[in-house]
Amino acid sequence: IETVPLRIEGREVKRLRNKEISSVKVVWGGHAGENATWELESKMKSSYPDLFLGNFEGEILLRGVGL
């Protein structure tokens, strides 16, 4: 059974020397329930662009989920 990203719950930017690395906290769902992991924002945007379609009150929501 496939685990799929349900929504993004947070975002953070880490500064390493002269470079910034953006991460997003992704809530995954599947057969075993939900869990959350921090992932590179650039990787998630390229793999799951629909996660970044809306941004309401500071929360990034999956299309069709939320408000």
PDB file of N, CA and C in Angstrom:
ATOM      1  N   ILE A   1       0.854  -1.177   0.000  1.00  0.00           N
ATOM      2  CA  ILE A   1       0.000   0.000   0.000  1.00  0.00           C
ATOM      3  C   ILE A   1       0.894   1.233   0.000  1.00  0.00           C
ATOM      4  N   GLU A   2       0.538   2.176  -0.850  1.00  0.00           N
ATOM      5  CA  GLU A   2       1.342   3.374  -1.044  1.00  0.00           C
ATOM      6  C   GLU A   2       1.092   4.412   0.049  1.00  0.00           C
ATOM      7  N   THR A   3       2.151   5.056   0.482  1.00  0.00           N
ATOM      8  CA  THR A   3       2.049   6.186   1.400  1.00  0.00           C
ATOM      9  C   THR A   3       2.033   7.451   0.559  1.00  0.00           C
ATOM     10  N   VAL A   4       1.071   8.336   0.821  1.00  0.00           N
ATOM     11  CA  VAL A   4       0.926   9.553   0.024  1.00  0.00           C
ATOM     12  C   VAL A   4       0.965  10.782   0.931  1.00  0.00           C
ATOM     13  N   PRO A   5       1.463  11.917   0.394  1.00  0.00           N
ATOM     14  CA  PRO A   5       1.462  13.136   1.195  1.00  0.00           C
ATOM     15  C   PRO A   5       0.053  13.709   1.269  1.00  0.00           C
ATOM     16  N   LEU A   6      -0.402  14.022   2.480  1.00  0.00           N
ATOM     17  CA  LEU A   6      -1.742  14.563   2.676  1.00  0.00           C
ATOM     18  C   LEU A   6      -1.745  16.082   2.738  1.00  0.00           C
ATOM     19  N   ARG A   7      -0.778  16.642   3.470  1.00  0.00           N
ATOM     20  CA  ARG A   7      -0.738  18.096   3.628  1.00  0.00           C
ATOM     21  C   ARG A   7       0.632  18.505   4.166  1.00  0.00           C
ATOM     22  N   ILE A   8       0.872  19.798   4.113  1.00  0.00           N
ATOM     23  CA  ILE A   8       2.089  20.368   4.667  1.00  0.00           C
ATOM     24  C   ILE A   8       1.705  21.141   5.919  1.00  0.00           C
ATOM     25  N   GLU A   9       2.364  20.835   7.023  1.00  0.00           N
ATOM     26  CA  GLU A   9       2.023  21.450   8.309  1.00  0.00           C
ATOM     27  C   GLU A   9       2.997  22.518   8.761  1.00  0.00           C
ATOM     28  N   GLY A  10       4.131  22.615   8.126  1.00  0.00           N
ATOM     29  CA  GLY A  10       5.091  23.614   8.575  1.00  0.00           C
ATOM     30  C   GLY A  10       6.183  23.827   7.553  1.00  0.00           C
ATOM     31  N   ARG A  11       6.944  24.892   7.770  1.00  0.00           N
ATOM     32  CA  ARG A  11       8.048  25.222   6.876  1.00  0.00           C
ATOM     33  C   ARG A  11       9.153  25.840   7.712  1.00  0.00           C
ATOM     34  N   GLU A  12      10.392  25.505   7.382  1.00  0.00           N
ATOM     35  CA  GLU A  12      11.522  26.131   8.056  1.00  0.00           C
ATOM     36  C   GLU A  12      12.661  26.317   7.073  1.00  0.00           C
ATOM     37  N   VAL A  13      13.462  27.330   7.335  1.00  0.00           N
ATOM     38  CA  VAL A  13      14.626  27.610   6.505  1.00  0.00           C
ATOM     39  C   VAL A  13      15.850  27.555   7.406  1.00  0.00           C
ATOM     40  N   LYS A  14      16.797  26.720   7.026  1.00  0.00           N
ATOM     41  CA  LYS A  14      18.054  26.615   7.771  1.00  0.00           C
ATOM     42  C   LYS A  14      19.140  27.317   6.971  1.00  0.00           C
ATOM     43  N   ARG A  15      19.954  28.071   7.666  1.00  0.00           N
ATOM     44  CA  ARG A  15      21.041  28.787   7.017  1.00  0.00           C
ATOM     45  C   ARG A  15      22.355  28.072   7.330  1.00  0.00           C
ATOM     46  N   LEU A  16      23.022  27.615   6.294  1.00  0.00           N
ATOM     47  CA  LEU A  16      24.318  26.948   6.426  1.00  0.00           C
ATOM     48  C   LEU A  16      25.349  27.751   5.644  1.00  0.00           C
ATOM     49  N   ARG A  17      26.230  28.385   6.356  1.00  0.00           N
ATOM     50  CA  ARG A  17      27.219  29.287   5.750  1.00  0.00           C
ATOM     51  C   ARG A  17      26.492  30.324   4.913  1.00  0.00           C
ATOM     52  N   ASN A  18      26.663  30.308   3.600  1.00  0.00           N
ATOM     53  CA  ASN A  18      26.001  31.290   2.736  1.00  0.00           C
ATOM     54  C   ASN A  18      24.840  30.683   1.963  1.00  0.00           C
ATOM     55  N   LYS A  19      24.321  29.569   2.435  1.00  0.00           N
ATOM     56  CA  LYS A  19      23.267  28.861   1.710  1.00  0.00           C
ATOM     57  C   LYS A  19      22.052  28.681   2.607  1.00  0.00           C
ATOM     58  N   GLU A  20      20.860  28.834   2.022  1.00  0.00           N
ATOM     59  CA  GLU A  20      19.625  28.580   2.759  1.00  0.00           C
ATOM     60  C   GLU A  20      18.987  27.300   2.239  1.00  0.00           C
ATOM     61  N   ILE A  21      18.531  26.458   3.155  1.00  0.00           N
ATOM     62  CA  ILE A  21      17.874  25.207   2.786  1.00  0.00           C
ATOM     63  C   ILE A  21      16.463  25.232   3.351  1.00  0.00           C
ATOM     64  N   SER A  22      15.474  25.171   2.461  1.00  0.00           N
ATOM     65  CA  SER A  22      14.071  25.200   2.874  1.00  0.00           C
ATOM     66  C   SER A  22      13.539  23.781   3.013  1.00  0.00           C
ATOM     67  N   SER A  23      12.880  23.534   4.145  1.00  0.00           N
ATOM     68  CA  SER A  23      12.260  22.236   4.408  1.00  0.00           C
ATOM     69  C   SER A  23      10.793  22.441   4.736  1.00  0.00           C
ATOM     70  N   VAL A  24       9.990  21.427   4.454  1.00  0.00           N
ATOM     71  CA  VAL A  24       8.572  21.454   4.799  1.00  0.00           C
ATOM     72  C   VAL A  24       8.236  20.208   5.608  1.00  0.00           C
ATOM     73  N   LYS A  25       7.323  20.371   6.560  1.00  0.00           N
ATOM     74  CA  LYS A  25       6.868  19.239   7.373  1.00  0.00           C
ATOM     75  C   LYS A  25       5.661  18.633   6.668  1.00  0.00           C
ATOM     76  N   VAL A  26       5.835  17.417   6.168  1.00  0.00           N
ATOM     77  CA  VAL A  26       4.817  16.740   5.368  1.00  0.00           C
ATOM     78  C   VAL A  26       4.120  15.680   6.213  1.00  0.00           C
ATOM     79  N   VAL A  27       2.790  15.713   6.192  1.00  0.00           N
ATOM     80  CA  VAL A  27       2.004  14.664   6.841  1.00  0.00           C
ATOM     81  C   VAL A  27       1.672  13.636   5.772  1.00  0.00           C
ATOM     82  N   TRP A  28       2.093  12.410   6.015  1.00  0.00           N
ATOM     83  CA  TRP A  28       1.888  11.299   5.087  1.00  0.00           C
ATOM     84  C   TRP A  28       0.759  10.419   5.604  1.00  0.00           C
ATOM     85  N   GLY A  29       0.008   9.846   4.680  1.00  0.00           N
ATOM     86  CA  GLY A  29      -1.056   8.928   5.065  1.00  0.00           C
ATOM     87  C   GLY A  29      -0.954   7.640   4.275  1.00  0.00           C
ATOM     88  N   GLY A  30      -1.437   6.586   4.871  1.00  0.00           N
ATOM     89  CA  GLY A  30      -1.413   5.286   4.221  1.00  0.00           C
ATOM     90  C   GLY A  30      -2.070   4.259   5.108  1.00  0.00           C
ATOM     91  N   HIS A  31      -1.799   3.014   4.832  1.00  0.00           N
ATOM     92  CA  HIS A  31      -2.402   1.893   5.552  1.00  0.00           C
ATOM     93  C   HIS A  31      -2.129   1.956   7.058  1.00  0.00           C
ATOM     94  N   ALA A  32      -0.953   2.407   7.436  1.00  0.00           N
ATOM     95  CA  ALA A  32      -0.566   2.435   8.852  1.00  0.00           C
ATOM     96  C   ALA A  32      -1.025   3.697   9.580  1.00  0.00           C
ATOM     97  N   GLY A  33      -1.730   4.591   8.899  1.00  0.00           N
ATOM     98  CA  GLY A  33      -2.166   5.840   9.520  1.00  0.00           C
ATOM     99  C   GLY A  33      -1.322   7.010   9.045  1.00  0.00           C
ATOM    100  N   GLU A  34      -1.305   8.080   9.845  1.00  0.00           N
ATOM    101  CA  GLU A  34      -0.570   9.283   9.481  1.00  0.00           C
ATOM    102  C   GLU A  34       0.735   9.387  10.262  1.00  0.00           C
ATOM    103  N   ASN A  35       1.749   9.928   9.595  1.00  0.00           N
ATOM    104  CA  ASN A  35       2.985  10.311  10.267  1.00  0.00           C
ATOM    105  C   ASN A  35       3.548  11.525   9.550  1.00  0.00           C
ATOM    106  N   ALA A  36       4.456  12.247  10.186  1.00  0.00           N
ATOM    107  CA  ALA A  36       5.007  13.469   9.607  1.00  0.00           C
ATOM    108  C   ALA A  36       6.528  13.389   9.564  1.00  0.00           C
ATOM    109  N   THR A  37       7.091  13.931   8.472  1.00  0.00           N
ATOM    110  CA  THR A  37       8.542  13.991   8.321  1.00  0.00           C
ATOM    111  C   THR A  37       8.917  15.333   7.714  1.00  0.00           C
ATOM    112  N   TRP A  38      10.145  15.764   7.969  1.00  0.00           N
ATOM    113  CA  TRP A  38      10.678  16.964   7.326  1.00  0.00           C
ATOM    114  C   TRP A  38      11.339  16.544   6.018  1.00  0.00           C
ATOM    115  N   GLU A  39      10.986  17.255   4.932  1.00  0.00           N
ATOM    116  CA  GLU A  39      11.508  16.945   3.599  1.00  0.00           C
ATOM    117  C   GLU A  39      12.014  18.228   2.948  1.00  0.00           C
ATOM    118  N   LEU A  40      12.921  18.099   1.985  1.00  0.00           N
ATOM    119  CA  LEU A  40      13.375  19.261   1.235  1.00  0.00           C
ATOM    120  C   LEU A  40      12.208  19.841   0.440  1.00  0.00           C
ATOM    121  N   GLU A  41      12.004  21.148   0.567  1.00  0.00           N
ATOM    122  CA  GLU A  41      10.897  21.793  -0.131  1.00  0.00           C
ATOM    123  C   GLU A  41      11.022  21.634  -1.644  1.00  0.00           C
ATOM    124  N   SER A  42      12.220  21.792  -2.182  1.00  0.00           N
ATOM    125  CA  SER A  42      12.415  21.689  -3.631  1.00  0.00           C
ATOM    126  C   SER A  42      12.053  20.298  -4.149  1.00  0.00           C
ATOM    127  N   LYS A  43      12.404  19.264  -3.399  1.00  0.00           N
ATOM    128  CA  LYS A  43      12.083  17.889  -3.804  1.00  0.00           C
ATOM    129  C   LYS A  43      10.572  17.656  -3.784  1.00  0.00           C
ATOM    130  N   MET A  44       9.909  18.152  -2.736  1.00  0.00           N
ATOM    131  CA  MET A  44       8.461  17.972  -2.627  1.00  0.00           C
ATOM    132  C   MET A  44       7.724  18.753  -3.710  1.00  0.00           C
ATOM    133  N   LYS A  45       8.210  19.968  -4.039  1.00  0.00           N
ATOM    134  CA  LYS A  45       7.566  20.761  -5.092  1.00  0.00           C
ATOM    135  C   LYS A  45       7.668  20.066  -6.443  1.00  0.00           C
ATOM    136  N   SER A  46       8.801  19.426  -6.712  1.00  0.00           N
ATOM    137  CA  SER A  46       8.940  18.753  -8.006  1.00  0.00           C
ATOM    138  C   SER A  46       8.160  17.443  -8.050  1.00  0.00           C
ATOM    139  N   SER A  47       8.072  16.743  -6.922  1.00  0.00           N
ATOM    140  CA  SER A  47       7.369  15.458  -6.893  1.00  0.00           C
ATOM    141  C   SER A  47       5.862  15.589  -6.677  1.00  0.00           C
ATOM    142  N   TYR A  48       5.447  16.592  -5.893  1.00  0.00           N
ATOM    143  CA  TYR A  48       4.033  16.757  -5.525  1.00  0.00           C
ATOM    144  C   TYR A  48       3.620  18.227  -5.633  1.00  0.00           C
ATOM    145  N   PRO A  49       3.586  18.785  -6.843  1.00  0.00           N
ATOM    146  CA  PRO A  49       3.282  20.221  -6.985  1.00  0.00           C
ATOM    147  C   PRO A  49       1.903  20.610  -6.460  1.00  0.00           C
ATOM    148  N   ASP A  50       0.946  19.693  -6.449  1.00  0.00           N
ATOM    149  CA  ASP A  50      -0.399  20.015  -5.963  1.00  0.00           C
ATOM    150  C   ASP A  50      -0.423  20.392  -4.483  1.00  0.00           C
ATOM    151  N   LEU A  51       0.571  19.975  -3.729  1.00  0.00           N
ATOM    152  CA  LEU A  51       0.619  20.329  -2.308  1.00  0.00           C
ATOM    153  C   LEU A  51       0.809  21.827  -2.098  1.00  0.00           C
ATOM    154  N   PHE A  52       1.311  22.519  -3.113  1.00  0.00           N
ATOM    155  CA  PHE A  52       1.674  23.924  -2.965  1.00  0.00           C
ATOM    156  C   PHE A  52       0.723  24.868  -3.693  1.00  0.00           C
ATOM    157  N   LEU A  53      -0.466  24.407  -4.064  1.00  0.00           N
ATOM    158  CA  LEU A  53      -1.389  25.238  -4.832  1.00  0.00           C
ATOM    159  C   LEU A  53      -2.039  26.343  -4.023  1.00  0.00           C
ATOM    160  N   GLY A  54      -2.340  26.099  -2.754  1.00  0.00           N
ATOM    161  CA  GLY A  54      -3.007  27.117  -1.946  1.00  0.00           C
ATOM    162  C   GLY A  54      -2.211  27.430  -0.704  1.00  0.00           C
ATOM    163  N   ASN A  55      -2.348  28.652  -0.231  1.00  0.00           N
ATOM    164  CA  ASN A  55      -1.690  29.041   1.015  1.00  0.00           C
ATOM    165  C   ASN A  55      -2.658  29.923   1.781  1.00  0.00           C
ATOM    166  N   PHE A  56      -3.319  29.363   2.801  1.00  0.00           N
ATOM    167  CA  PHE A  56      -4.344  30.076   3.550  1.00  0.00           C
ATOM    168  C   PHE A  56      -3.913  30.228   4.998  1.00  0.00           C
ATOM    169  N   GLU A  57      -3.861  31.469   5.471  1.00  0.00           N
ATOM    170  CA  GLU A  57      -3.516  31.771   6.862  1.00  0.00           C
ATOM    171  C   GLU A  57      -2.225  31.089   7.295  1.00  0.00           C
ATOM    172  N   GLY A  58      -1.220  31.113   6.407  1.00  0.00           N
ATOM    173  CA  GLY A  58       0.073  30.558   6.758  1.00  0.00           C
ATOM    174  C   GLY A  58       0.188  29.060   6.600  1.00  0.00           C
ATOM    175  N   GLU A  59      -0.900  28.391   6.228  1.00  0.00           N
ATOM    176  CA  GLU A  59      -0.872  26.943   6.038  1.00  0.00           C
ATOM    177  C   GLU A  59      -0.891  26.638   4.550  1.00  0.00           C
ATOM    178  N   ILE A  60      -0.076  25.722   4.134  1.00  0.00           N
ATOM    179  CA  ILE A  60      -0.106  25.270   2.751  1.00  0.00           C
ATOM    180  C   ILE A  60      -0.991  24.036   2.726  1.00  0.00           C
ATOM    181  N   LEU A  61      -2.018  24.057   1.878  1.00  0.00           N
ATOM    182  CA  LEU A  61      -3.009  22.983   1.890  1.00  0.00           C
ATOM    183  C   LEU A  61      -3.049  22.247   0.561  1.00  0.00           C
ATOM    184  N   LEU A  62      -3.374  20.986   0.622  1.00  0.00           N
ATOM    185  CA  LEU A  62      -3.594  20.176  -0.566  1.00  0.00           C
ATOM    186  C   LEU A  62      -4.894  20.619  -1.213  1.00  0.00           C
ATOM    187  N   ARG A  63      -4.925  20.698  -2.533  1.00  0.00           N
ATOM    188  CA  ARG A  63      -6.132  21.116  -3.229  1.00  0.00           C
ATOM    189  C   ARG A  63      -7.294  20.223  -2.809  1.00  0.00           C
ATOM    190  N   GLY A  64      -8.425  20.844  -2.457  1.00  0.00           N
ATOM    191  CA  GLY A  64      -9.614  20.100  -2.073  1.00  0.00           C
ATOM    192  C   GLY A  64      -9.657  19.713  -0.608  1.00  0.00           C
ATOM    193  N   VAL A  65      -8.629  20.026   0.152  1.00  0.00           N
ATOM    194  CA  VAL A  65      -8.596  19.691   1.575  1.00  0.00           C
ATOM    195  C   VAL A  65      -8.467  20.989   2.360  1.00  0.00           C
ATOM    196  N   GLY A  66      -9.181  21.087   3.443  1.00  0.00           N
ATOM    197  CA  GLY A  66      -9.033  22.275   4.286  1.00  0.00           C
ATOM    198  C   GLY A  66     -10.270  23.126   4.254  1.00  0.00           C
ATOM    199  N   LEU A  67     -10.097  24.431   4.015  1.00  0.00           N
ATOM    200  CA  LEU A  67     -11.200  25.379   4.095  1.00  0.00           C
ATOM    201  C   LEU A  67     -12.352  24.973   3.284  1.00  0.00           C
TER     202      LEU A  67
END
